[in-house]
N, C-alpha and C. Protein backbone atom coordinates (compact mmCIF):
# COMPACT_ATOMS: atom_id res chain seq x y z
N MET A 1 0.83 -1.21 0.00
CA MET A 1 0.00 0.00 0.00
C MET A 1 0.87 1.26 0.00
N TYR A 2 1.99 1.21 0.69
CA TYR A 2 2.87 2.38 0.75
C TYR A 2 3.31 2.80 -0.65
N LYS A 3 3.69 1.82 -1.47
CA LYS A 3 4.14 2.12 -2.82
C LYS A 3 3.04 2.81 -3.63
N LEU A 4 1.81 2.35 -3.47
CA LEU A 4 0.69 2.95 -4.19
C LEU A 4 0.40 4.36 -3.67
N LYS A 5 0.51 4.52 -2.36
CA LYS A 5 0.29 5.84 -1.76
C LYS A 5 1.30 6.85 -2.30
N GLU A 6 2.57 6.45 -2.34
CA GLU A 6 3.61 7.33 -2.85
C GLU A 6 3.44 7.59 -4.34
N GLY A 7 2.96 6.58 -5.04
CA GLY A 7 2.70 6.77 -6.47
C GLY A 7 1.62 7.80 -6.72
N ASN A 8 0.58 7.78 -5.88
CA ASN A 8 -0.49 8.77 -6.01
C ASN A 8 0.02 10.17 -5.71
N ARG A 9 0.90 10.28 -4.71
CA ARG A 9 1.48 11.58 -4.38
C ARG A 9 2.29 12.13 -5.56
N ARG A 10 3.13 11.27 -6.16
CA ARG A 10 3.93 11.71 -7.30
C ARG A 10 3.04 12.09 -8.48
N PHE A 11 1.97 11.33 -8.66
CA PHE A 11 1.03 11.63 -9.73
C PHE A 11 0.43 13.02 -9.55
N ARG A 12 -0.01 13.34 -8.34
CA ARG A 12 -0.61 14.64 -8.09
C ARG A 12 0.41 15.77 -8.26
N GLU A 13 1.64 15.52 -7.84
CA GLU A 13 2.65 16.58 -7.86
C GLU A 13 3.32 16.74 -9.22
N GLU A 14 3.44 15.64 -9.99
CA GLU A 14 4.24 15.69 -11.21
C GLU A 14 3.43 15.54 -12.50
N ASN A 15 2.34 14.79 -12.46
CA ASN A 15 1.65 14.46 -13.71
C ASN A 15 0.20 14.92 -13.78
N PHE A 16 -0.36 15.38 -12.69
CA PHE A 16 -1.78 15.72 -12.68
C PHE A 16 -2.01 17.07 -13.35
N ASN A 17 -2.83 17.05 -14.40
CA ASN A 17 -3.17 18.27 -15.12
C ASN A 17 -4.43 18.86 -14.49
N LYS A 18 -4.25 19.80 -13.58
CA LYS A 18 -5.38 20.34 -12.81
C LYS A 18 -6.38 21.06 -13.71
N GLU A 19 -5.89 21.79 -14.69
CA GLU A 19 -6.78 22.53 -15.59
C GLU A 19 -7.66 21.58 -16.38
N LEU A 20 -7.06 20.53 -16.95
CA LEU A 20 -7.84 19.56 -17.71
C LEU A 20 -8.80 18.81 -16.81
N ALA A 21 -8.35 18.44 -15.61
CA ALA A 21 -9.19 17.71 -14.67
C ALA A 21 -10.42 18.54 -14.29
N GLU A 22 -10.23 19.81 -14.03
CA GLU A 22 -11.35 20.66 -13.67
C GLU A 22 -12.32 20.83 -14.83
N TYR A 23 -11.77 20.94 -16.05
CA TYR A 23 -12.62 21.07 -17.23
C TYR A 23 -13.49 19.83 -17.40
N LEU A 24 -12.87 18.64 -17.28
CA LEU A 24 -13.62 17.39 -17.44
C LEU A 24 -14.63 17.20 -16.31
N ALA A 25 -14.26 17.62 -15.11
CA ALA A 25 -15.18 17.51 -13.98
C ALA A 25 -16.41 18.39 -14.18
N ASP A 26 -16.21 19.59 -14.74
CA ASP A 26 -17.31 20.53 -14.93
C ASP A 26 -18.14 20.24 -16.17
N ASN A 27 -17.50 19.68 -17.20
CA ASN A 27 -18.18 19.52 -18.49
C ASN A 27 -18.50 18.08 -18.87
N GLY A 28 -18.08 17.12 -18.07
CA GLY A 28 -18.37 15.73 -18.37
C GLY A 28 -17.37 15.14 -19.35
N GLN A 29 -17.58 13.87 -19.70
CA GLN A 29 -16.66 13.19 -20.61
C GLN A 29 -17.30 13.06 -22.00
N TYR A 30 -16.46 13.22 -23.02
CA TYR A 30 -16.92 13.08 -24.40
C TYR A 30 -15.90 12.28 -25.21
N PRO A 31 -15.57 11.07 -24.76
CA PRO A 31 -14.61 10.27 -25.52
C PRO A 31 -15.21 9.83 -26.84
N LYS A 32 -14.39 9.69 -27.85
CA LYS A 32 -14.86 9.26 -29.16
C LYS A 32 -14.50 7.80 -29.44
N THR A 33 -13.74 7.20 -28.54
CA THR A 33 -13.29 5.82 -28.75
C THR A 33 -13.61 4.94 -27.56
N LEU A 34 -14.28 3.82 -27.83
CA LEU A 34 -14.42 2.76 -26.83
C LEU A 34 -13.28 1.78 -27.06
N PHE A 35 -12.46 1.57 -26.05
CA PHE A 35 -11.28 0.72 -26.15
C PHE A 35 -11.50 -0.50 -25.27
N ILE A 36 -11.71 -1.66 -25.91
CA ILE A 36 -11.96 -2.90 -25.18
C ILE A 36 -10.69 -3.72 -25.20
N THR A 37 -10.14 -3.99 -24.02
CA THR A 37 -8.89 -4.73 -23.97
C THR A 37 -8.86 -5.65 -22.77
N CYS A 38 -7.74 -6.31 -22.58
CA CYS A 38 -7.60 -7.31 -21.53
C CYS A 38 -7.28 -6.66 -20.18
N SER A 39 -7.62 -7.37 -19.12
CA SER A 39 -7.30 -6.90 -17.77
C SER A 39 -5.82 -7.04 -17.45
N ASP A 40 -5.07 -7.67 -18.33
CA ASP A 40 -3.64 -7.92 -18.11
C ASP A 40 -2.92 -6.63 -17.70
N SER A 41 -2.15 -6.70 -16.62
CA SER A 41 -1.49 -5.52 -16.06
C SER A 41 -0.41 -4.96 -16.99
N ARG A 42 0.00 -5.73 -17.99
CA ARG A 42 1.04 -5.28 -18.91
C ARG A 42 0.49 -4.44 -20.06
N VAL A 43 -0.83 -4.34 -20.14
CA VAL A 43 -1.48 -3.56 -21.19
C VAL A 43 -2.00 -2.27 -20.59
N VAL A 44 -1.49 -1.14 -21.05
CA VAL A 44 -1.87 0.18 -20.52
C VAL A 44 -2.43 1.02 -21.67
N PRO A 45 -3.75 1.04 -21.85
CA PRO A 45 -4.37 1.66 -23.03
C PRO A 45 -3.94 3.10 -23.31
N ASN A 46 -3.98 3.98 -22.31
CA ASN A 46 -3.62 5.38 -22.57
C ASN A 46 -2.17 5.52 -22.98
N ALA A 47 -1.31 4.69 -22.39
CA ALA A 47 0.11 4.77 -22.72
C ALA A 47 0.37 4.27 -24.14
N LEU A 48 -0.19 3.14 -24.50
CA LEU A 48 0.13 2.56 -25.81
C LEU A 48 -0.53 3.32 -26.96
N THR A 49 -1.55 4.12 -26.66
CA THR A 49 -2.18 4.93 -27.71
C THR A 49 -1.78 6.41 -27.63
N GLY A 50 -1.06 6.79 -26.58
CA GLY A 50 -0.70 8.19 -26.42
C GLY A 50 -1.91 9.08 -26.18
N SER A 51 -2.94 8.52 -25.55
CA SER A 51 -4.18 9.26 -25.34
C SER A 51 -4.17 10.02 -24.02
N LYS A 52 -4.89 11.14 -24.02
CA LYS A 52 -5.01 11.95 -22.82
C LYS A 52 -6.23 11.53 -22.01
N LYS A 53 -6.27 12.01 -20.78
CA LYS A 53 -7.44 11.78 -19.95
C LYS A 53 -8.70 12.28 -20.67
N GLY A 54 -9.74 11.46 -20.66
CA GLY A 54 -10.99 11.86 -21.28
C GLY A 54 -11.14 11.45 -22.73
N GLU A 55 -10.10 10.85 -23.32
CA GLU A 55 -10.17 10.51 -24.75
C GLU A 55 -10.57 9.06 -25.01
N LEU A 56 -10.38 8.18 -24.02
CA LEU A 56 -10.74 6.78 -24.19
C LEU A 56 -11.77 6.37 -23.15
N PHE A 57 -12.80 5.68 -23.60
CA PHE A 57 -13.73 5.02 -22.68
C PHE A 57 -13.30 3.56 -22.68
N ILE A 58 -12.84 3.06 -21.54
CA ILE A 58 -12.12 1.79 -21.51
C ILE A 58 -12.91 0.70 -20.81
N GLU A 59 -12.99 -0.44 -21.48
CA GLU A 59 -13.54 -1.66 -20.88
C GLU A 59 -12.43 -2.71 -20.85
N ARG A 60 -12.18 -3.26 -19.66
CA ARG A 60 -11.16 -4.28 -19.52
C ARG A 60 -11.78 -5.53 -18.92
N ASN A 61 -11.47 -6.66 -19.50
CA ASN A 61 -11.90 -7.92 -18.93
C ASN A 61 -10.90 -9.00 -19.29
N ILE A 62 -11.03 -10.16 -18.71
CA ILE A 62 -10.11 -11.25 -18.96
C ILE A 62 -10.23 -11.70 -20.41
N GLY A 63 -9.17 -11.51 -21.18
CA GLY A 63 -9.14 -11.96 -22.56
C GLY A 63 -9.73 -11.02 -23.58
N ASN A 64 -10.18 -9.83 -23.15
CA ASN A 64 -10.92 -8.91 -24.02
C ASN A 64 -11.99 -9.64 -24.81
N PHE A 65 -12.78 -10.46 -24.09
CA PHE A 65 -13.85 -11.23 -24.71
C PHE A 65 -15.16 -10.43 -24.72
N ILE A 66 -16.02 -10.75 -25.67
CA ILE A 66 -17.33 -10.11 -25.77
C ILE A 66 -18.38 -11.18 -25.97
N ALA A 67 -19.36 -11.22 -25.09
CA ALA A 67 -20.46 -12.17 -25.26
C ALA A 67 -21.36 -11.69 -26.40
N PRO A 68 -21.85 -12.58 -27.24
CA PRO A 68 -22.80 -12.17 -28.28
C PRO A 68 -24.01 -11.48 -27.67
N TYR A 69 -24.64 -10.62 -28.42
CA TYR A 69 -25.81 -9.89 -27.92
C TYR A 69 -26.94 -10.85 -27.56
N SER A 70 -27.60 -10.55 -26.47
CA SER A 70 -28.80 -11.28 -26.07
C SER A 70 -29.84 -10.28 -25.61
N PRO A 71 -31.06 -10.34 -26.14
CA PRO A 71 -32.10 -9.40 -25.69
C PRO A 71 -32.55 -9.67 -24.27
N ASN A 72 -32.30 -10.88 -23.79
CA ASN A 72 -32.69 -11.25 -22.43
C ASN A 72 -31.55 -11.97 -21.71
N PRO A 73 -30.49 -11.24 -21.39
CA PRO A 73 -29.37 -11.88 -20.68
C PRO A 73 -29.82 -12.43 -19.34
N LYS A 74 -29.25 -13.59 -18.97
CA LYS A 74 -29.66 -14.24 -17.74
C LYS A 74 -28.87 -13.74 -16.53
N ASP A 75 -27.83 -12.98 -16.78
CA ASP A 75 -27.03 -12.50 -15.66
C ASP A 75 -26.52 -11.10 -15.97
N TYR A 76 -25.85 -10.48 -15.02
CA TYR A 76 -25.28 -9.17 -15.23
C TYR A 76 -24.09 -9.30 -16.16
N ARG A 77 -24.04 -8.47 -17.21
CA ARG A 77 -22.94 -8.56 -18.16
C ARG A 77 -22.35 -7.17 -18.33
N THR A 78 -21.26 -6.95 -17.65
CA THR A 78 -20.64 -5.63 -17.63
C THR A 78 -20.22 -5.18 -19.01
N THR A 79 -19.56 -6.05 -19.77
CA THR A 79 -19.05 -5.66 -21.08
C THR A 79 -20.20 -5.22 -21.99
N SER A 80 -21.30 -5.97 -21.97
CA SER A 80 -22.46 -5.61 -22.78
C SER A 80 -22.99 -4.23 -22.39
N ALA A 81 -23.06 -3.97 -21.09
CA ALA A 81 -23.54 -2.67 -20.62
C ALA A 81 -22.62 -1.55 -21.06
N VAL A 82 -21.31 -1.80 -21.03
CA VAL A 82 -20.34 -0.79 -21.47
C VAL A 82 -20.53 -0.46 -22.95
N ILE A 83 -20.72 -1.48 -23.78
CA ILE A 83 -20.93 -1.26 -25.21
C ILE A 83 -22.17 -0.40 -25.43
N GLU A 84 -23.25 -0.76 -24.76
CA GLU A 84 -24.49 -0.01 -24.92
C GLU A 84 -24.34 1.44 -24.44
N TYR A 85 -23.68 1.62 -23.32
CA TYR A 85 -23.48 2.97 -22.79
C TYR A 85 -22.61 3.80 -23.72
N ALA A 86 -21.53 3.20 -24.21
CA ALA A 86 -20.60 3.94 -25.06
C ALA A 86 -21.25 4.39 -26.35
N VAL A 87 -22.03 3.51 -26.96
CA VAL A 87 -22.63 3.83 -28.26
C VAL A 87 -23.86 4.71 -28.10
N GLU A 88 -24.75 4.35 -27.17
CA GLU A 88 -26.03 5.06 -27.06
C GLU A 88 -25.94 6.35 -26.26
N ILE A 89 -25.15 6.37 -25.21
CA ILE A 89 -25.09 7.55 -24.34
C ILE A 89 -23.93 8.48 -24.72
N LEU A 90 -22.74 7.90 -24.88
CA LEU A 90 -21.57 8.74 -25.19
C LEU A 90 -21.43 9.05 -26.67
N GLY A 91 -21.99 8.21 -27.52
CA GLY A 91 -21.92 8.46 -28.95
C GLY A 91 -20.53 8.29 -29.53
N VAL A 92 -19.80 7.27 -29.09
CA VAL A 92 -18.46 7.06 -29.64
C VAL A 92 -18.55 6.75 -31.14
N ASP A 93 -17.51 7.09 -31.87
CA ASP A 93 -17.51 6.78 -33.31
C ASP A 93 -16.50 5.70 -33.68
N LYS A 94 -15.79 5.18 -32.69
CA LYS A 94 -14.83 4.10 -32.92
C LYS A 94 -14.88 3.11 -31.76
N ILE A 95 -14.80 1.83 -32.09
CA ILE A 95 -14.61 0.81 -31.07
C ILE A 95 -13.39 0.00 -31.48
N ILE A 96 -12.44 -0.11 -30.57
CA ILE A 96 -11.23 -0.89 -30.81
C ILE A 96 -11.21 -2.07 -29.86
N ILE A 97 -11.10 -3.26 -30.41
CA ILE A 97 -10.89 -4.46 -29.60
C ILE A 97 -9.41 -4.79 -29.68
N CYS A 98 -8.73 -4.68 -28.56
CA CYS A 98 -7.28 -4.83 -28.54
C CYS A 98 -6.85 -6.06 -27.75
N GLY A 99 -6.45 -7.10 -28.47
CA GLY A 99 -5.85 -8.26 -27.85
C GLY A 99 -4.36 -8.01 -27.64
N HIS A 100 -3.66 -9.00 -27.12
CA HIS A 100 -2.22 -8.81 -26.91
C HIS A 100 -1.50 -10.15 -26.93
N THR A 101 -0.21 -10.09 -27.14
CA THR A 101 0.60 -11.30 -27.15
C THR A 101 0.83 -11.81 -25.72
N GLU A 102 1.21 -13.07 -25.62
CA GLU A 102 1.47 -13.71 -24.32
C GLU A 102 0.25 -13.61 -23.41
N CYS A 103 -0.93 -13.72 -23.99
CA CYS A 103 -2.17 -13.55 -23.22
C CYS A 103 -2.45 -14.77 -22.35
N GLY A 104 -2.59 -14.54 -21.05
CA GLY A 104 -2.84 -15.63 -20.13
C GLY A 104 -4.18 -16.30 -20.37
N SER A 105 -5.17 -15.53 -20.77
CA SER A 105 -6.49 -16.10 -21.02
C SER A 105 -6.46 -17.06 -22.20
N ILE A 106 -5.77 -16.67 -23.26
CA ILE A 106 -5.63 -17.55 -24.41
C ILE A 106 -4.84 -18.79 -24.03
N SER A 107 -3.81 -18.60 -23.24
CA SER A 107 -3.00 -19.74 -22.79
C SER A 107 -3.84 -20.73 -22.00
N LYS A 108 -4.74 -20.21 -21.16
CA LYS A 108 -5.58 -21.07 -20.35
C LYS A 108 -6.53 -21.92 -21.20
N LEU A 109 -6.85 -21.45 -22.40
CA LEU A 109 -7.72 -22.23 -23.28
C LEU A 109 -7.06 -23.55 -23.67
N PHE A 110 -5.74 -23.58 -23.61
CA PHE A 110 -4.99 -24.78 -23.97
C PHE A 110 -4.64 -25.63 -22.75
N ASP A 111 -4.99 -25.16 -21.57
CA ASP A 111 -4.75 -25.91 -20.35
C ASP A 111 -6.02 -26.66 -19.95
N ASP A 112 -5.84 -27.69 -19.19
CA ASP A 112 -6.99 -28.44 -18.68
C ASP A 112 -7.39 -27.82 -17.33
N VAL A 113 -8.09 -26.70 -17.41
CA VAL A 113 -8.51 -26.00 -16.19
C VAL A 113 -9.74 -26.69 -15.62
N GLN A 114 -9.61 -27.22 -14.44
CA GLN A 114 -10.70 -27.95 -13.81
C GLN A 114 -11.64 -26.99 -13.05
N LYS A 115 -12.92 -27.21 -13.21
CA LYS A 115 -13.89 -26.40 -12.49
C LYS A 115 -13.91 -26.78 -11.02
N SER A 116 -13.98 -25.76 -10.18
CA SER A 116 -14.05 -25.99 -8.74
C SER A 116 -15.25 -25.23 -8.18
N GLU A 117 -15.39 -25.26 -6.88
CA GLU A 117 -16.51 -24.56 -6.25
C GLU A 117 -16.34 -23.05 -6.31
N THR A 118 -15.13 -22.59 -6.60
CA THR A 118 -14.87 -21.14 -6.54
C THR A 118 -14.47 -20.51 -7.87
N ASN A 119 -14.37 -21.28 -8.95
CA ASN A 119 -13.93 -20.67 -10.21
C ASN A 119 -14.95 -20.81 -11.34
N GLY A 120 -16.21 -20.98 -10.98
CA GLY A 120 -17.25 -21.17 -11.99
C GLY A 120 -17.38 -20.02 -12.97
N ASP A 121 -17.27 -18.78 -12.47
CA ASP A 121 -17.39 -17.62 -13.36
C ASP A 121 -16.24 -17.58 -14.35
N LEU A 122 -15.05 -17.92 -13.90
CA LEU A 122 -13.88 -17.93 -14.79
C LEU A 122 -14.04 -18.98 -15.89
N ILE A 123 -14.45 -20.18 -15.52
CA ILE A 123 -14.62 -21.24 -16.50
C ILE A 123 -15.67 -20.86 -17.54
N LYS A 124 -16.76 -20.28 -17.08
CA LYS A 124 -17.82 -19.85 -18.00
C LYS A 124 -17.31 -18.75 -18.93
N TRP A 125 -16.55 -17.81 -18.38
CA TRP A 125 -16.05 -16.69 -19.19
C TRP A 125 -15.09 -17.17 -20.28
N LEU A 126 -14.23 -18.12 -19.94
CA LEU A 126 -13.26 -18.62 -20.91
C LEU A 126 -13.92 -19.30 -22.10
N GLU A 127 -15.17 -19.73 -21.94
CA GLU A 127 -15.89 -20.35 -23.04
C GLU A 127 -16.04 -19.40 -24.23
N LEU A 128 -15.98 -18.09 -23.95
CA LEU A 128 -16.12 -17.10 -25.02
C LEU A 128 -14.92 -17.11 -25.97
N GLY A 129 -13.82 -17.71 -25.54
CA GLY A 129 -12.65 -17.79 -26.41
C GLY A 129 -12.46 -19.13 -27.08
N LYS A 130 -13.22 -20.13 -26.64
CA LYS A 130 -13.02 -21.49 -27.15
C LYS A 130 -13.21 -21.63 -28.66
N PRO A 131 -14.21 -20.97 -29.27
CA PRO A 131 -14.36 -21.13 -30.73
C PRO A 131 -13.12 -20.70 -31.51
N ALA A 132 -12.42 -19.69 -31.01
CA ALA A 132 -11.19 -19.24 -31.68
C ALA A 132 -10.13 -20.32 -31.60
N LYS A 133 -9.95 -20.88 -30.43
CA LYS A 133 -8.97 -21.96 -30.25
C LYS A 133 -9.31 -23.16 -31.13
N GLU A 134 -10.56 -23.57 -31.13
CA GLU A 134 -10.97 -24.75 -31.90
C GLU A 134 -10.74 -24.55 -33.39
N LYS A 135 -10.99 -23.34 -33.89
CA LYS A 135 -10.78 -23.06 -35.31
C LYS A 135 -9.30 -23.14 -35.66
N VAL A 136 -8.46 -22.56 -34.81
CA VAL A 136 -7.02 -22.56 -35.07
C VAL A 136 -6.46 -23.98 -35.04
N VAL A 137 -6.86 -24.76 -34.06
CA VAL A 137 -6.37 -26.13 -33.94
C VAL A 137 -6.78 -26.95 -35.16
N LYS A 138 -7.99 -26.72 -35.64
CA LYS A 138 -8.48 -27.46 -36.80
C LYS A 138 -7.72 -27.08 -38.07
N LEU A 139 -7.41 -25.78 -38.22
CA LEU A 139 -6.72 -25.31 -39.41
C LEU A 139 -5.23 -25.60 -39.39
N HIS A 140 -4.67 -25.76 -38.18
CA HIS A 140 -3.21 -25.94 -38.06
C HIS A 140 -2.92 -27.15 -37.16
N PRO A 141 -3.29 -28.34 -37.60
CA PRO A 141 -3.14 -29.54 -36.75
C PRO A 141 -1.70 -29.90 -36.41
N ASP A 142 -0.74 -29.43 -37.21
CA ASP A 142 0.66 -29.80 -36.98
C ASP A 142 1.47 -28.70 -36.29
N ALA A 143 0.81 -27.60 -35.97
CA ALA A 143 1.52 -26.48 -35.36
C ALA A 143 1.89 -26.79 -33.92
N LYS A 144 2.99 -26.21 -33.48
CA LYS A 144 3.42 -26.38 -32.09
C LYS A 144 2.59 -25.47 -31.19
N LEU A 145 2.63 -25.76 -29.89
CA LEU A 145 1.76 -25.06 -28.94
C LEU A 145 1.96 -23.56 -28.97
N LYS A 146 3.21 -23.09 -28.99
CA LYS A 146 3.48 -21.66 -28.97
C LYS A 146 2.85 -20.98 -30.19
N GLU A 147 2.97 -21.59 -31.35
CA GLU A 147 2.39 -21.02 -32.56
C GLU A 147 0.87 -21.02 -32.48
N LEU A 148 0.31 -22.10 -31.94
CA LEU A 148 -1.14 -22.17 -31.80
C LEU A 148 -1.67 -21.04 -30.92
N LYS A 149 -0.95 -20.73 -29.86
CA LYS A 149 -1.37 -19.65 -28.97
C LYS A 149 -1.31 -18.31 -29.68
N ARG A 150 -0.24 -18.06 -30.44
CA ARG A 150 -0.12 -16.79 -31.16
C ARG A 150 -1.25 -16.65 -32.19
N LEU A 151 -1.54 -17.73 -32.90
CA LEU A 151 -2.61 -17.70 -33.90
C LEU A 151 -3.97 -17.50 -33.23
N THR A 152 -4.15 -18.09 -32.06
CA THR A 152 -5.42 -17.97 -31.36
C THR A 152 -5.62 -16.56 -30.82
N GLU A 153 -4.55 -15.90 -30.41
CA GLU A 153 -4.66 -14.51 -29.96
C GLU A 153 -5.26 -13.64 -31.06
N LYS A 154 -4.83 -13.88 -32.29
CA LYS A 154 -5.36 -13.12 -33.42
C LYS A 154 -6.78 -13.56 -33.78
N GLU A 155 -6.98 -14.87 -33.79
CA GLU A 155 -8.31 -15.38 -34.15
C GLU A 155 -9.36 -14.94 -33.14
N SER A 156 -8.96 -14.81 -31.89
CA SER A 156 -9.91 -14.36 -30.86
C SER A 156 -10.35 -12.93 -31.12
N VAL A 157 -9.43 -12.08 -31.59
CA VAL A 157 -9.82 -10.71 -31.93
C VAL A 157 -10.88 -10.73 -33.04
N ARG A 158 -10.67 -11.58 -34.04
CA ARG A 158 -11.66 -11.70 -35.12
C ARG A 158 -13.01 -12.15 -34.56
N LEU A 159 -12.97 -13.13 -33.66
CA LEU A 159 -14.20 -13.66 -33.06
C LEU A 159 -14.92 -12.61 -32.24
N GLN A 160 -14.19 -11.86 -31.42
CA GLN A 160 -14.83 -10.85 -30.58
C GLN A 160 -15.41 -9.72 -31.42
N MET A 161 -14.77 -9.39 -32.54
CA MET A 161 -15.33 -8.39 -33.44
C MET A 161 -16.65 -8.89 -34.03
N LYS A 162 -16.68 -10.16 -34.37
CA LYS A 162 -17.92 -10.76 -34.88
C LYS A 162 -19.02 -10.68 -33.83
N ASN A 163 -18.68 -11.01 -32.58
CA ASN A 163 -19.67 -10.93 -31.50
C ASN A 163 -20.12 -9.49 -31.28
N LEU A 164 -19.19 -8.56 -31.34
CA LEU A 164 -19.52 -7.15 -31.14
C LEU A 164 -20.56 -6.68 -32.14
N LYS A 165 -20.43 -7.14 -33.37
CA LYS A 165 -21.33 -6.69 -34.44
C LYS A 165 -22.72 -7.29 -34.34
N THR A 166 -22.96 -8.15 -33.34
CA THR A 166 -24.32 -8.66 -33.12
C THR A 166 -25.16 -7.68 -32.31
N TYR A 167 -24.54 -6.65 -31.74
CA TYR A 167 -25.29 -5.68 -30.94
C TYR A 167 -26.04 -4.72 -31.87
N PRO A 168 -27.35 -4.55 -31.66
CA PRO A 168 -28.16 -3.72 -32.55
C PRO A 168 -27.62 -2.31 -32.74
N GLN A 169 -27.18 -1.67 -31.66
CA GLN A 169 -26.69 -0.30 -31.78
C GLN A 169 -25.37 -0.23 -32.54
N VAL A 170 -24.59 -1.29 -32.45
CA VAL A 170 -23.34 -1.35 -33.22
C VAL A 170 -23.66 -1.57 -34.70
N GLN A 171 -24.57 -2.48 -34.98
CA GLN A 171 -25.00 -2.72 -36.35
C GLN A 171 -25.51 -1.43 -37.00
N LYS A 172 -26.35 -0.73 -36.27
CA LYS A 172 -26.94 0.50 -36.79
C LYS A 172 -25.87 1.55 -37.06
N GLY A 173 -24.93 1.70 -36.12
CA GLY A 173 -23.87 2.68 -36.30
C GLY A 173 -23.01 2.39 -37.52
N ILE A 174 -22.71 1.11 -37.72
CA ILE A 174 -21.92 0.72 -38.90
C ILE A 174 -22.69 1.01 -40.18
N GLU A 175 -23.97 0.64 -40.19
CA GLU A 175 -24.80 0.86 -41.38
C GLU A 175 -24.97 2.34 -41.69
N ASP A 176 -25.09 3.16 -40.64
CA ASP A 176 -25.26 4.61 -40.82
C ASP A 176 -23.96 5.32 -41.14
N GLY A 177 -22.83 4.64 -40.95
CA GLY A 177 -21.54 5.27 -41.19
C GLY A 177 -21.07 6.14 -40.05
N THR A 178 -21.71 6.00 -38.87
CA THR A 178 -21.33 6.82 -37.72
C THR A 178 -20.41 6.08 -36.74
N LEU A 179 -20.16 4.80 -37.03
CA LEU A 179 -19.37 3.99 -36.12
C LEU A 179 -18.48 3.03 -36.91
N ARG A 180 -17.23 2.92 -36.49
CA ARG A 180 -16.31 1.97 -37.11
C ARG A 180 -15.71 1.08 -36.03
N VAL A 181 -15.46 -0.16 -36.39
CA VAL A 181 -14.93 -1.15 -35.46
C VAL A 181 -13.57 -1.63 -35.96
N TYR A 182 -12.61 -1.69 -35.04
CA TYR A 182 -11.24 -2.08 -35.40
C TYR A 182 -10.76 -3.19 -34.48
N GLY A 183 -9.91 -4.05 -35.04
CA GLY A 183 -9.26 -5.09 -34.26
C GLY A 183 -7.77 -4.84 -34.20
N TRP A 184 -7.20 -4.89 -33.00
CA TRP A 184 -5.77 -4.67 -32.81
C TRP A 184 -5.16 -5.85 -32.06
N LEU A 185 -3.86 -6.03 -32.24
CA LEU A 185 -3.08 -6.95 -31.42
C LEU A 185 -1.83 -6.22 -30.97
N TYR A 186 -1.69 -6.07 -29.66
CA TYR A 186 -0.57 -5.35 -29.06
C TYR A 186 0.52 -6.33 -28.66
N ASP A 187 1.75 -6.07 -29.09
CA ASP A 187 2.88 -6.92 -28.74
C ASP A 187 3.52 -6.38 -27.47
N ILE A 188 3.39 -7.10 -26.37
CA ILE A 188 3.89 -6.58 -25.09
C ILE A 188 5.41 -6.56 -25.03
N ARG A 189 6.09 -7.27 -25.94
CA ARG A 189 7.56 -7.27 -25.95
C ARG A 189 8.13 -6.04 -26.66
N THR A 190 7.43 -5.57 -27.69
CA THR A 190 7.98 -4.50 -28.54
C THR A 190 7.19 -3.19 -28.46
N GLY A 191 5.95 -3.25 -27.98
CA GLY A 191 5.12 -2.05 -27.96
C GLY A 191 4.42 -1.80 -29.28
N GLU A 192 4.69 -2.64 -30.27
CA GLU A 192 4.09 -2.45 -31.59
C GLU A 192 2.67 -3.01 -31.63
N VAL A 193 1.87 -2.47 -32.52
CA VAL A 193 0.48 -2.90 -32.68
C VAL A 193 0.26 -3.33 -34.12
N GLU A 194 -0.48 -4.41 -34.27
CA GLU A 194 -0.96 -4.81 -35.59
C GLU A 194 -2.46 -4.57 -35.64
N TYR A 195 -2.96 -4.21 -36.81
CA TYR A 195 -4.40 -4.00 -36.97
C TYR A 195 -4.96 -5.03 -37.93
N LEU A 196 -6.22 -5.33 -37.78
CA LEU A 196 -6.89 -6.30 -38.65
C LEU A 196 -7.38 -5.58 -39.90
N ASP A 197 -6.83 -5.95 -41.03
CA ASP A 197 -7.19 -5.34 -42.31
C ASP A 197 -8.55 -5.88 -42.74
N SER A 198 -9.52 -5.00 -42.86
CA SER A 198 -10.88 -5.41 -43.21
C SER A 198 -10.98 -5.96 -44.63
N LYS A 199 -9.99 -5.66 -45.46
CA LYS A 199 -10.04 -6.11 -46.86
C LYS A 199 -9.80 -7.61 -46.98
N ASP A 200 -8.85 -8.14 -46.21
CA ASP A 200 -8.52 -9.56 -46.35
C ASP A 200 -8.50 -10.32 -45.02
N GLY A 201 -8.81 -9.63 -43.92
CA GLY A 201 -8.87 -10.31 -42.64
C GLY A 201 -7.52 -10.69 -42.05
N GLU A 202 -6.45 -10.07 -42.54
CA GLU A 202 -5.11 -10.36 -42.04
C GLU A 202 -4.62 -9.21 -41.16
N PHE A 203 -3.68 -9.51 -40.26
CA PHE A 203 -3.11 -8.49 -39.38
C PHE A 203 -1.88 -7.86 -40.03
N ARG A 204 -1.80 -6.54 -39.97
CA ARG A 204 -0.69 -5.80 -40.56
C ARG A 204 -0.20 -4.74 -39.56
N PRO A 205 1.05 -4.27 -39.69
CA PRO A 205 1.56 -3.25 -38.77
C PRO A 205 0.68 -2.00 -38.77
N LEU A 206 0.37 -1.50 -37.58
CA LEU A 206 -0.46 -0.31 -37.47
C LEU A 206 0.18 0.88 -38.16
N ASP A 207 1.50 0.91 -38.21
CA ASP A 207 2.20 2.01 -38.89
C ASP A 207 1.84 2.10 -40.37
N GLU A 208 1.34 1.00 -40.95
CA GLU A 208 0.98 0.99 -42.36
C GLU A 208 -0.47 1.36 -42.60
N TYR A 209 -1.24 1.55 -41.50
CA TYR A 209 -2.67 1.82 -41.66
C TYR A 209 -2.91 3.18 -42.29
N GLU A 210 -3.84 3.21 -43.24
CA GLU A 210 -4.27 4.45 -43.88
C GLU A 210 -5.77 4.51 -43.84
N GLU A 211 -6.30 5.68 -43.52
CA GLU A 211 -7.74 5.85 -43.48
C GLU A 211 -8.34 5.56 -44.85
N ASP A 212 -9.49 4.83 -44.86
CA ASP A 212 -10.17 4.57 -46.12
C ASP A 212 -11.59 5.06 -46.07
């Protein structure tokens, strides 16, 4: 706790923009980007995008997974609520699903994780990534485990984008031209990002991206 306390003190003294903070406090938030990424502590959205306070509306969960839309969900679904809030209330014009390399959630898909009395929510949540793993294993039966994990990290981004587009407000925004959806993969070793090219479904360096 001491380390966190001192970190907050340094933040207030060295990095806190009081003028911007007061403006946002008085005028509310108007982010234009919903950034959905993993809870992994090695992924820092504002840092890797160079974004300022108030520019990203961030949703983090294990594996950056998205449950398909359901008009009658049986339980509380935070990610679904965030999507609805971002699109309907905040009016974001971009949604980025950002996976990352060395993802623990993807790795767990390849482990025999046994259900216990205390990990039921985790086991259920990981099911959202299983179709990506199964597709990769089927397409690459001779690949080694490390390669399978890397391929699944990318395939999961494709899968979550597909699930995202099942939401009515997302569908409408795309059809109206007021909303665009992007898939990213962040390399935690290099800091580089690859984006999913909508033309051919392949990942390419973000540095090569051009608006279309």
